[in-house]
Amino acid sequence: MAADPLLLVHLPKTAGTTLAQLMRYHYRGGAFKGAGNVLSRFDEAESRLRAIARKPRLRAAAGHVSFGLAERVLPDAVFVTILREPVARTLSQYHFLTRSGNGAGLVPPWLDGDARGLSLSGAFDRGYLLHDLQTRMLCGLVSPYDELPSGALERAKTNLRDRFAYVGTTERFDELLAVLDLSLGWPTAAYERARENPRRPARTPDEAWAVAAERNELDRELHAYAGELLAEKVDAAVAEEADVIREATARWNGAEAVRSDARVELALEEAGRMRAAYEQRKQDARVKKRQT
């Protein structure tokens, strides 16, 4: 493992929470730290990153931080990120916003109204949603609310290619996880998919799809490029690791077994240890809360 911390630039609604939970498990004992949230608490995000920079023993961090801010504070970090097909990502964030009413940590503090009932176009127009958010988070802007510069897409592509050690997509999450397992020496583990929304409508109206596509033209190209970068790292070993992860995860989440071999069983055992560690953290947090 490199001495520099592994830092997840967590783009909203891309499976970043799932990856962050895996990172927290693999870097236990205080070696993992949340990196903050530039979308709702910019000053806190910068101070969190600076605290991480002062802790040389810290090995991993994750947060809704822009690459521009993260690189400024932690230029030697090992960067990882996940992109998602932008229409699906936008609609996921929109349904999350309108269900919670206030964006639950994904909107700036100056938007304190209730967003329930807003149309998708209205959410964009009022600033609850940002067009081309993934490009904004990756092109070098310190704040995603800053004006998008000319050449932002090419800057974001260059950053993904030259500054990110690991780039994945939500749609090929298991392959990204396989790359991380093999590169960083993580034990193979099944995982629980975090923060899926079971109440999201089964079908999105065509008009909403059209609005989301129109507001994410740069992100559509950037997402495709991220897929190309991931594909370059998928060799036979990565493909086999991804198959094990996929089968073990399906079984962990209740599906019938398709294959059963030693590697799958070990991945299930590791998932059990991960769940136990998660439950222990919750218990410790409850005890700490009672004592304060």
Foldseek 3Di string as FASTA:
>chain_A
DDLAAEEEQEDAPFLVVQVLLVVCLQQDDPLEEEQEALAACVVSNLVSLLVVVVDSSRHYYYYNFAPLSNCVRRVPHAYEYAAEQQLVRLLVQVVCQQVVQQSVRRHYPVPRGGCHPADSVRCPVVRVDAFQQVLLRQLNDRHSPDDQDPVSLVSSLCCCVPPHPAFYGSVLVLLSVLLCCVVVVNQAAATDRPDDDPPRDPDDDPVSSVVSCVRYVSSNVSNVSSHVVSVVRDDPSSVVSSVLRVQLNCVVVPHDHPDDDDSNVVNHVVRVVSVVVVVVVVVVVVVVVVVD
